[in-house]
N, C-alpha and C. Protein backbone atom coordinates (compact mmCIF):
# COMPACT_ATOMS: atom_id res chain seq x y z
N MET A 1 29.10 -3.95 -7.06
CA MET A 1 28.35 -4.54 -5.96
C MET A 1 27.16 -3.63 -5.66
N ALA A 2 26.01 -4.24 -5.50
CA ALA A 2 24.79 -3.49 -5.27
C ALA A 2 24.71 -3.03 -3.82
N LYS A 3 24.17 -1.83 -3.65
CA LYS A 3 23.95 -1.26 -2.32
C LYS A 3 22.64 -0.48 -2.39
N PHE A 4 21.72 -0.78 -1.49
CA PHE A 4 20.41 -0.15 -1.50
C PHE A 4 20.09 0.48 -0.15
N LYS A 5 19.32 1.54 -0.21
CA LYS A 5 18.73 2.13 0.99
C LYS A 5 17.30 1.63 1.02
N LEU A 6 16.92 0.97 2.11
CA LEU A 6 15.58 0.39 2.24
C LEU A 6 14.75 1.23 3.20
N ILE A 7 13.58 1.63 2.76
CA ILE A 7 12.64 2.38 3.59
C ILE A 7 11.45 1.46 3.85
N ILE A 8 11.27 1.06 5.10
CA ILE A 8 10.20 0.14 5.47
C ILE A 8 9.15 0.92 6.23
N SER A 9 7.93 0.96 5.69
CA SER A 9 6.85 1.68 6.37
C SER A 9 5.88 0.69 6.97
N ASP A 10 5.41 1.01 8.17
CA ASP A 10 4.45 0.18 8.88
C ASP A 10 3.11 0.92 8.89
N PRO A 11 2.13 0.47 8.11
CA PRO A 11 0.86 1.19 8.04
C PRO A 11 0.07 1.19 9.35
N SER A 12 0.29 0.19 10.20
CA SER A 12 -0.48 0.15 11.45
C SER A 12 -0.04 1.24 12.42
N THR A 13 1.25 1.61 12.43
CA THR A 13 1.72 2.66 13.32
C THR A 13 1.93 3.99 12.60
N GLY A 14 2.07 3.94 11.26
CA GLY A 14 2.32 5.15 10.50
C GLY A 14 3.77 5.59 10.52
N LYS A 15 4.66 4.74 11.00
CA LYS A 15 6.08 5.08 11.08
C LYS A 15 6.88 4.31 10.04
N SER A 16 8.05 4.84 9.72
CA SER A 16 8.93 4.16 8.77
C SER A 16 10.35 4.14 9.32
N SER A 17 11.13 3.18 8.85
CA SER A 17 12.52 3.06 9.28
C SER A 17 13.41 2.91 8.06
N VAL A 18 14.67 3.30 8.21
CA VAL A 18 15.62 3.27 7.10
C VAL A 18 16.74 2.28 7.44
N ASN A 19 17.05 1.41 6.50
CA ASN A 19 18.15 0.47 6.62
C ASN A 19 18.95 0.50 5.33
N GLU A 20 20.21 0.11 5.41
CA GLU A 20 21.03 -0.03 4.21
C GLU A 20 21.50 -1.46 4.12
N VAL A 21 21.43 -2.02 2.92
CA VAL A 21 21.91 -3.38 2.70
C VAL A 21 22.88 -3.38 1.53
N GLU A 22 23.84 -4.29 1.60
CA GLU A 22 24.77 -4.48 0.49
C GLU A 22 25.24 -5.92 0.50
N GLY A 23 25.87 -6.32 -0.55
CA GLY A 23 26.38 -7.69 -0.64
C GLY A 23 25.30 -8.68 -1.03
N ALA A 24 25.30 -9.83 -0.35
CA ALA A 24 24.38 -10.91 -0.68
C ALA A 24 22.92 -10.53 -0.43
N ARG A 25 22.67 -9.76 0.62
CA ARG A 25 21.29 -9.33 0.90
C ARG A 25 20.77 -8.41 -0.19
N ALA A 26 21.63 -7.56 -0.72
CA ALA A 26 21.22 -6.66 -1.80
C ALA A 26 21.01 -7.43 -3.10
N GLN A 27 21.82 -8.45 -3.33
CA GLN A 27 21.69 -9.25 -4.55
C GLN A 27 20.35 -9.97 -4.59
N ALA A 28 19.77 -10.26 -3.42
CA ALA A 28 18.47 -10.93 -3.37
C ALA A 28 17.36 -10.05 -3.95
N LEU A 29 17.57 -8.74 -3.98
CA LEU A 29 16.56 -7.81 -4.51
C LEU A 29 16.65 -7.61 -6.02
N ILE A 30 17.81 -7.84 -6.60
CA ILE A 30 18.01 -7.58 -8.04
C ILE A 30 17.07 -8.48 -8.84
N GLY A 31 16.35 -7.88 -9.78
CA GLY A 31 15.42 -8.61 -10.62
C GLY A 31 14.00 -8.63 -10.07
N ARG A 32 13.80 -8.26 -8.83
CA ARG A 32 12.45 -8.19 -8.27
C ARG A 32 11.74 -6.98 -8.86
N SER A 33 10.41 -6.98 -8.80
CA SER A 33 9.67 -5.85 -9.36
C SER A 33 8.67 -5.30 -8.35
N LEU A 34 8.14 -4.14 -8.65
CA LEU A 34 7.16 -3.48 -7.78
C LEU A 34 5.93 -4.36 -7.64
N GLY A 35 5.38 -4.40 -6.44
CA GLY A 35 4.18 -5.18 -6.18
C GLY A 35 4.45 -6.60 -5.72
N GLU A 36 5.71 -7.03 -5.67
CA GLU A 36 6.03 -8.38 -5.22
C GLU A 36 6.03 -8.44 -3.70
N LEU A 37 5.60 -9.56 -3.16
CA LEU A 37 5.62 -9.81 -1.73
C LEU A 37 6.81 -10.73 -1.45
N ILE A 38 7.72 -10.29 -0.60
CA ILE A 38 8.90 -11.10 -0.30
C ILE A 38 9.04 -11.26 1.21
N ASP A 39 9.84 -12.24 1.60
CA ASP A 39 10.06 -12.50 3.02
C ASP A 39 11.08 -11.50 3.55
N GLY A 40 10.75 -10.82 4.63
CA GLY A 40 11.62 -9.79 5.19
C GLY A 40 12.85 -10.35 5.86
N SER A 41 12.80 -11.59 6.32
CA SER A 41 13.95 -12.17 7.01
C SER A 41 15.12 -12.42 6.07
N THR A 42 14.87 -12.62 4.77
CA THR A 42 15.97 -12.81 3.82
C THR A 42 16.77 -11.53 3.66
N LEU A 43 16.12 -10.39 3.89
CA LEU A 43 16.81 -9.10 3.81
C LEU A 43 17.35 -8.66 5.16
N GLY A 44 16.91 -9.33 6.21
CA GLY A 44 17.34 -8.97 7.56
C GLY A 44 16.70 -7.69 8.05
N ILE A 45 15.48 -7.40 7.60
CA ILE A 45 14.84 -6.14 7.96
C ILE A 45 13.64 -6.29 8.87
N ALA A 46 12.86 -7.36 8.73
CA ALA A 46 11.64 -7.47 9.52
C ALA A 46 11.16 -8.91 9.54
N GLN A 47 10.33 -9.22 10.52
CA GLN A 47 9.69 -10.51 10.56
C GLN A 47 8.42 -10.41 9.71
N GLY A 48 8.12 -11.44 8.96
CA GLY A 48 6.92 -11.44 8.13
C GLY A 48 7.23 -11.05 6.70
N LYS A 49 6.20 -10.67 5.99
CA LYS A 49 6.32 -10.34 4.56
C LYS A 49 6.38 -8.84 4.37
N VAL A 50 7.06 -8.42 3.31
CA VAL A 50 7.11 -7.01 2.93
C VAL A 50 6.75 -6.89 1.45
N LEU A 51 6.05 -5.83 1.11
CA LEU A 51 5.62 -5.56 -0.25
C LEU A 51 6.50 -4.48 -0.84
N ILE A 52 7.05 -4.71 -2.02
CA ILE A 52 7.86 -3.68 -2.68
C ILE A 52 6.88 -2.66 -3.27
N SER A 53 6.92 -1.44 -2.75
CA SER A 53 5.92 -0.44 -3.15
C SER A 53 6.48 0.70 -3.99
N GLY A 54 7.78 0.83 -4.11
CA GLY A 54 8.33 1.92 -4.92
C GLY A 54 9.83 1.99 -4.82
N GLY A 55 10.38 3.04 -5.40
CA GLY A 55 11.82 3.25 -5.34
C GLY A 55 12.26 4.32 -6.30
N CYS A 56 13.57 4.62 -6.31
CA CYS A 56 14.12 5.60 -7.23
C CYS A 56 15.60 5.31 -7.43
N ASP A 57 16.21 6.00 -8.40
CA ASP A 57 17.63 5.82 -8.64
C ASP A 57 18.40 6.96 -7.98
N LYS A 58 19.71 7.02 -8.21
CA LYS A 58 20.54 8.02 -7.51
C LYS A 58 20.22 9.44 -7.94
N ASN A 59 19.59 9.62 -9.10
CA ASN A 59 19.21 10.96 -9.56
C ASN A 59 17.81 11.36 -9.12
N GLY A 60 17.11 10.47 -8.42
CA GLY A 60 15.76 10.78 -7.95
C GLY A 60 14.67 10.45 -8.94
N ILE A 61 14.99 9.73 -9.98
CA ILE A 61 13.98 9.35 -10.98
C ILE A 61 13.16 8.19 -10.40
N PRO A 62 11.84 8.34 -10.27
CA PRO A 62 11.02 7.34 -9.61
C PRO A 62 10.76 6.11 -10.47
N MET A 63 10.50 5.00 -9.80
CA MET A 63 10.11 3.77 -10.48
C MET A 63 8.60 3.78 -10.65
N ARG A 64 8.13 3.23 -11.77
CA ARG A 64 6.69 3.12 -12.03
C ARG A 64 6.35 1.68 -12.35
N GLY A 65 5.24 1.22 -11.80
CA GLY A 65 4.82 -0.16 -11.99
C GLY A 65 4.31 -0.48 -13.38
N ASP A 66 3.95 0.54 -14.15
CA ASP A 66 3.41 0.28 -15.48
C ASP A 66 4.46 0.35 -16.59
N VAL A 67 5.74 0.51 -16.24
CA VAL A 67 6.82 0.54 -17.23
C VAL A 67 7.64 -0.73 -17.05
N HIS A 68 7.76 -1.54 -18.09
CA HIS A 68 8.48 -2.81 -18.02
C HIS A 68 9.98 -2.59 -17.98
N GLY A 69 10.69 -3.52 -17.35
CA GLY A 69 12.15 -3.47 -17.30
C GLY A 69 12.66 -2.56 -16.20
N SER A 70 13.94 -2.19 -16.34
CA SER A 70 14.54 -1.31 -15.33
C SER A 70 15.18 -0.08 -15.94
N ALA A 71 15.02 0.12 -17.24
CA ALA A 71 15.64 1.24 -17.93
C ALA A 71 14.84 2.53 -17.73
N LYS A 72 15.50 3.67 -18.02
CA LYS A 72 14.82 4.97 -17.99
C LYS A 72 14.08 5.16 -19.30
N LYS A 73 12.86 5.69 -19.20
CA LYS A 73 12.05 5.93 -20.40
C LYS A 73 11.25 7.20 -20.22
N TYR A 74 11.01 7.89 -21.33
CA TYR A 74 10.11 9.03 -21.33
C TYR A 74 8.72 8.51 -21.67
N ILE A 75 7.76 8.80 -20.79
CA ILE A 75 6.38 8.42 -21.05
C ILE A 75 5.47 9.61 -20.78
N VAL A 76 4.30 9.61 -21.41
CA VAL A 76 3.30 10.65 -21.17
C VAL A 76 2.44 10.17 -20.01
N ILE A 77 2.44 10.95 -18.92
CA ILE A 77 1.66 10.57 -17.74
C ILE A 77 0.77 11.71 -17.28
N SER A 78 -0.30 11.35 -16.60
CA SER A 78 -1.21 12.36 -16.08
C SER A 78 -1.33 12.31 -14.56
N THR A 79 -1.02 11.17 -13.95
CA THR A 79 -1.05 11.03 -12.49
C THR A 79 -0.01 10.01 -12.06
N GLY A 80 0.10 9.82 -10.76
CA GLY A 80 0.95 8.77 -10.23
C GLY A 80 2.35 9.22 -9.91
N PRO A 81 3.23 8.26 -9.59
CA PRO A 81 4.60 8.58 -9.21
C PRO A 81 5.34 9.31 -10.32
N GLY A 82 6.01 10.38 -9.96
CA GLY A 82 6.80 11.12 -10.93
C GLY A 82 6.12 12.33 -11.52
N PHE A 83 4.85 12.59 -11.17
CA PHE A 83 4.15 13.73 -11.76
C PHE A 83 3.04 14.21 -10.85
N LYS A 84 3.01 15.52 -10.62
CA LYS A 84 1.94 16.16 -9.88
C LYS A 84 1.35 17.24 -10.78
N PRO A 85 0.16 17.01 -11.34
CA PRO A 85 -0.42 17.98 -12.26
C PRO A 85 -0.80 19.28 -11.55
N THR A 86 -0.64 20.40 -12.26
CA THR A 86 -0.98 21.71 -11.70
C THR A 86 -2.38 22.15 -12.10
N ARG A 87 -2.94 21.55 -13.13
CA ARG A 87 -4.31 21.88 -13.54
C ARG A 87 -5.02 20.61 -13.99
N HIS A 88 -6.32 20.63 -14.01
CA HIS A 88 -7.14 19.47 -14.34
C HIS A 88 -6.88 19.00 -15.78
N GLY A 89 -6.66 17.71 -15.94
CA GLY A 89 -6.47 17.14 -17.28
C GLY A 89 -5.08 17.29 -17.85
N GLU A 90 -4.14 17.81 -17.09
CA GLU A 90 -2.80 18.03 -17.59
C GLU A 90 -2.06 16.71 -17.77
N ARG A 91 -1.35 16.59 -18.90
CA ARG A 91 -0.49 15.44 -19.17
C ARG A 91 0.87 15.98 -19.59
N ARG A 92 1.91 15.22 -19.27
CA ARG A 92 3.25 15.69 -19.60
C ARG A 92 4.17 14.51 -19.85
N ARG A 93 5.17 14.70 -20.69
CA ARG A 93 6.17 13.68 -20.96
C ARG A 93 7.24 13.79 -19.88
N LYS A 94 7.40 12.71 -19.11
CA LYS A 94 8.36 12.71 -17.99
C LYS A 94 9.28 11.50 -18.09
N LEU A 95 10.45 11.63 -17.49
CA LEU A 95 11.42 10.55 -17.43
C LEU A 95 11.16 9.71 -16.17
N VAL A 96 10.95 8.42 -16.35
CA VAL A 96 10.72 7.51 -15.23
C VAL A 96 11.56 6.25 -15.44
N ARG A 97 11.67 5.47 -14.39
CA ARG A 97 12.41 4.22 -14.45
C ARG A 97 11.42 3.06 -14.39
N GLY A 98 11.76 1.94 -14.97
CA GLY A 98 10.90 0.76 -15.00
C GLY A 98 10.69 0.14 -13.64
N ARG A 99 9.87 -0.92 -13.59
CA ARG A 99 9.47 -1.50 -12.33
C ARG A 99 10.43 -2.51 -11.74
N SER A 100 11.44 -2.94 -12.48
CA SER A 100 12.38 -3.94 -11.97
C SER A 100 13.54 -3.27 -11.23
N ILE A 101 13.99 -3.90 -10.16
CA ILE A 101 15.11 -3.39 -9.37
C ILE A 101 16.41 -3.83 -10.04
N SER A 102 17.33 -2.89 -10.22
CA SER A 102 18.62 -3.19 -10.85
C SER A 102 19.74 -2.55 -10.03
N ASP A 103 20.97 -2.64 -10.53
CA ASP A 103 22.11 -2.02 -9.85
C ASP A 103 21.99 -0.50 -9.81
N ASP A 104 21.24 0.09 -10.75
CA ASP A 104 21.08 1.54 -10.81
C ASP A 104 20.11 2.07 -9.75
N THR A 105 19.32 1.19 -9.18
CA THR A 105 18.35 1.60 -8.16
C THR A 105 19.09 1.97 -6.89
N TYR A 106 18.69 3.08 -6.29
CA TYR A 106 19.35 3.57 -5.07
C TYR A 106 18.50 3.31 -3.84
N GLN A 107 17.21 3.58 -3.94
CA GLN A 107 16.30 3.48 -2.80
C GLN A 107 15.13 2.57 -3.16
N VAL A 108 14.76 1.68 -2.24
CA VAL A 108 13.62 0.79 -2.44
C VAL A 108 12.67 0.98 -1.27
N ASN A 109 11.40 1.22 -1.57
CA ASN A 109 10.38 1.42 -0.54
C ASN A 109 9.60 0.13 -0.32
N PHE A 110 9.37 -0.22 0.94
CA PHE A 110 8.63 -1.41 1.31
C PHE A 110 7.47 -1.03 2.22
N THR A 111 6.41 -1.86 2.17
CA THR A 111 5.30 -1.75 3.10
C THR A 111 5.23 -3.05 3.87
N LEU A 112 5.18 -2.98 5.18
CA LEU A 112 5.16 -4.16 6.03
C LEU A 112 3.79 -4.81 5.99
N LYS A 113 3.75 -6.10 5.74
CA LYS A 113 2.51 -6.88 5.75
C LYS A 113 2.64 -7.91 6.85
N LEU A 114 1.84 -7.78 7.90
CA LEU A 114 1.90 -8.70 9.03
C LEU A 114 1.17 -9.99 8.70
N GLU A 115 1.54 -11.07 9.40
CA GLU A 115 0.88 -12.36 9.20
C GLU A 115 -0.58 -12.24 9.61
N GLY A 116 -1.48 -12.76 8.79
CA GLY A 116 -2.90 -12.73 9.11
C GLY A 116 -3.58 -11.42 8.74
N GLN A 117 -2.82 -10.45 8.23
CA GLN A 117 -3.42 -9.17 7.85
C GLN A 117 -4.18 -9.35 6.56
N GLN A 118 -5.43 -8.87 6.53
CA GLN A 118 -6.25 -9.03 5.34
C GLN A 118 -6.09 -7.83 4.43
N GLU A 119 -6.28 -8.11 3.15
CA GLU A 119 -6.29 -7.03 2.18
C GLU A 119 -7.59 -6.26 2.31
N LYS A 120 -7.62 -5.05 1.77
CA LYS A 120 -8.83 -4.24 1.83
C LYS A 120 -9.93 -4.90 1.00
N ALA A 121 -11.15 -4.82 1.52
CA ALA A 121 -12.29 -5.37 0.79
C ALA A 121 -12.64 -4.42 -0.34
N PRO A 122 -13.20 -4.94 -1.44
CA PRO A 122 -13.62 -4.06 -2.53
C PRO A 122 -14.61 -3.02 -2.03
N LYS A 123 -14.69 -1.90 -2.72
CA LYS A 123 -15.53 -0.79 -2.30
C LYS A 123 -16.99 -1.23 -2.20
N GLY A 124 -17.60 -0.88 -1.08
CA GLY A 124 -19.00 -1.21 -0.88
C GLY A 124 -19.20 -2.50 -0.11
N GLU A 125 -18.17 -3.30 0.07
CA GLU A 125 -18.28 -4.55 0.80
C GLU A 125 -17.55 -4.43 2.12
N THR A 126 -18.06 -5.07 3.15
CA THR A 126 -17.36 -5.09 4.43
C THR A 126 -16.76 -6.46 4.63
N PRO A 127 -15.51 -6.53 5.09
CA PRO A 127 -14.92 -7.83 5.34
C PRO A 127 -15.65 -8.54 6.48
N PRO A 128 -15.64 -9.86 6.53
CA PRO A 128 -16.40 -10.59 7.54
C PRO A 128 -15.96 -10.29 8.96
N SER A 129 -14.72 -9.89 9.18
CA SER A 129 -14.25 -9.62 10.54
C SER A 129 -14.78 -8.30 11.09
N HIS A 130 -15.34 -7.45 10.25
CA HIS A 130 -15.81 -6.15 10.68
C HIS A 130 -17.32 -6.07 10.84
N THR A 131 -18.01 -7.20 10.89
CA THR A 131 -19.46 -7.15 11.05
C THR A 131 -19.79 -6.94 12.52
N SER A 132 -20.81 -6.18 12.76
CA SER A 132 -21.21 -5.90 14.14
C SER A 132 -22.24 -6.91 14.59
N SER A 133 -22.57 -6.90 15.87
CA SER A 133 -23.54 -7.84 16.42
C SER A 133 -24.94 -7.56 15.86
N GLU A 134 -25.21 -6.31 15.50
CA GLU A 134 -26.50 -5.96 14.93
C GLU A 134 -26.70 -6.61 13.58
N ASP A 135 -25.60 -6.75 12.80
CA ASP A 135 -25.70 -7.34 11.48
C ASP A 135 -26.00 -8.83 11.56
N LYS A 136 -25.60 -9.47 12.67
CA LYS A 136 -25.79 -10.90 12.82
C LYS A 136 -27.24 -11.25 13.16
N GLU A 137 -28.00 -10.29 13.71
CA GLU A 137 -29.40 -10.54 14.02
C GLU A 137 -30.19 -10.66 12.73
N ALA A 138 -31.23 -11.45 12.75
CA ALA A 138 -32.06 -11.63 11.56
C ALA A 138 -32.91 -10.38 11.37
N LYS A 139 -32.71 -9.70 10.27
CA LYS A 139 -33.48 -8.51 9.94
C LYS A 139 -33.91 -8.62 8.48
N PRO A 140 -35.08 -8.11 8.16
CA PRO A 140 -35.43 -8.04 6.74
C PRO A 140 -34.48 -7.07 6.03
N LYS A 141 -34.28 -7.28 4.73
CA LYS A 141 -33.32 -6.47 3.98
C LYS A 141 -33.64 -4.99 4.00
N GLY A 142 -34.90 -4.62 3.92
CA GLY A 142 -35.26 -3.21 3.83
C GLY A 142 -35.37 -2.52 5.18
N ALA A 143 -35.18 -3.24 6.28
CA ALA A 143 -35.35 -2.65 7.60
C ALA A 143 -34.20 -1.70 7.93
N LYS A 144 -34.55 -0.57 8.51
CA LYS A 144 -33.55 0.42 8.92
C LYS A 144 -33.53 0.50 10.44
N LYS A 145 -32.38 0.83 10.97
CA LYS A 145 -32.26 1.00 12.41
C LYS A 145 -32.88 2.35 12.77
N VAL A 146 -33.82 2.33 13.70
CA VAL A 146 -34.50 3.54 14.12
C VAL A 146 -33.75 4.13 15.30
N LYS A 147 -33.43 5.39 15.18
CA LYS A 147 -32.72 6.07 16.25
C LYS A 147 -33.71 6.35 17.38
N GLU A 148 -33.35 5.93 18.58
CA GLU A 148 -34.25 6.11 19.71
C GLU A 148 -34.11 7.53 20.26
N THR A 149 -35.22 8.22 20.32
CA THR A 149 -35.23 9.57 20.87
C THR A 149 -35.81 9.52 22.27
N LYS A 150 -35.80 10.66 22.97
CA LYS A 150 -36.34 10.72 24.33
C LYS A 150 -37.82 10.38 24.34
N ALA A 151 -38.54 10.86 23.35
CA ALA A 151 -39.99 10.63 23.30
C ALA A 151 -40.30 9.16 23.12
N THR A 152 -39.59 8.49 22.23
CA THR A 152 -39.85 7.06 22.02
C THR A 152 -39.39 6.24 23.22
N ALA A 153 -38.35 6.69 23.90
CA ALA A 153 -37.89 5.99 25.10
C ALA A 153 -38.92 6.09 26.21
N LEU A 154 -39.56 7.28 26.38
CA LEU A 154 -40.60 7.45 27.40
C LEU A 154 -41.82 6.60 27.08
N LYS A 155 -42.21 6.53 25.82
CA LYS A 155 -43.37 5.73 25.43
C LYS A 155 -43.13 4.26 25.72
N SER A 156 -41.90 3.79 25.44
CA SER A 156 -41.60 2.38 25.68
C SER A 156 -41.60 2.05 27.17
N LYS A 157 -41.17 3.02 28.01
CA LYS A 157 -41.20 2.81 29.46
C LYS A 157 -42.62 2.77 29.98
N GLU A 158 -43.50 3.65 29.43
CA GLU A 158 -44.89 3.70 29.86
C GLU A 158 -45.62 2.41 29.53
N THR A 159 -45.33 1.82 28.39
CA THR A 159 -46.01 0.61 27.97
C THR A 159 -45.57 -0.60 28.77
N LYS A 160 -44.40 -0.56 29.34
CA LYS A 160 -43.88 -1.69 30.13
C LYS A 160 -44.36 -1.62 31.50
């Protein structure tokens, strides 16, 4: 019978909580893989959706999203879960577990995703909800916002 320790982290508050599940609730996790979004109410842990973000087995061997299946494998890695390089460019052969959850998995890490929460915008782009009132005004593309100094403020008062 499967039994898992679930670590649910809430990025909005920065806190995490620990729950244990076994039986039918634990069976719902078997066969799932890292990066899947599942309903938290089926596990009895949270309202809304949760993202499977990681995990490990009873020996502490971490799961990696780039290894297929649920078996242990030796792979050459340079960054990511299971390896912290001590010098620039270092690579090493390490034992890791695949991305699928199985009976051998001991701990599963989740990230809470609230309803209506948007994913991060690609680098260099701002999501539409984060635009300021200044951006909504019609401005030519090359125009820059001029910082008002005391001297320019006095000149504008004199002209009025």
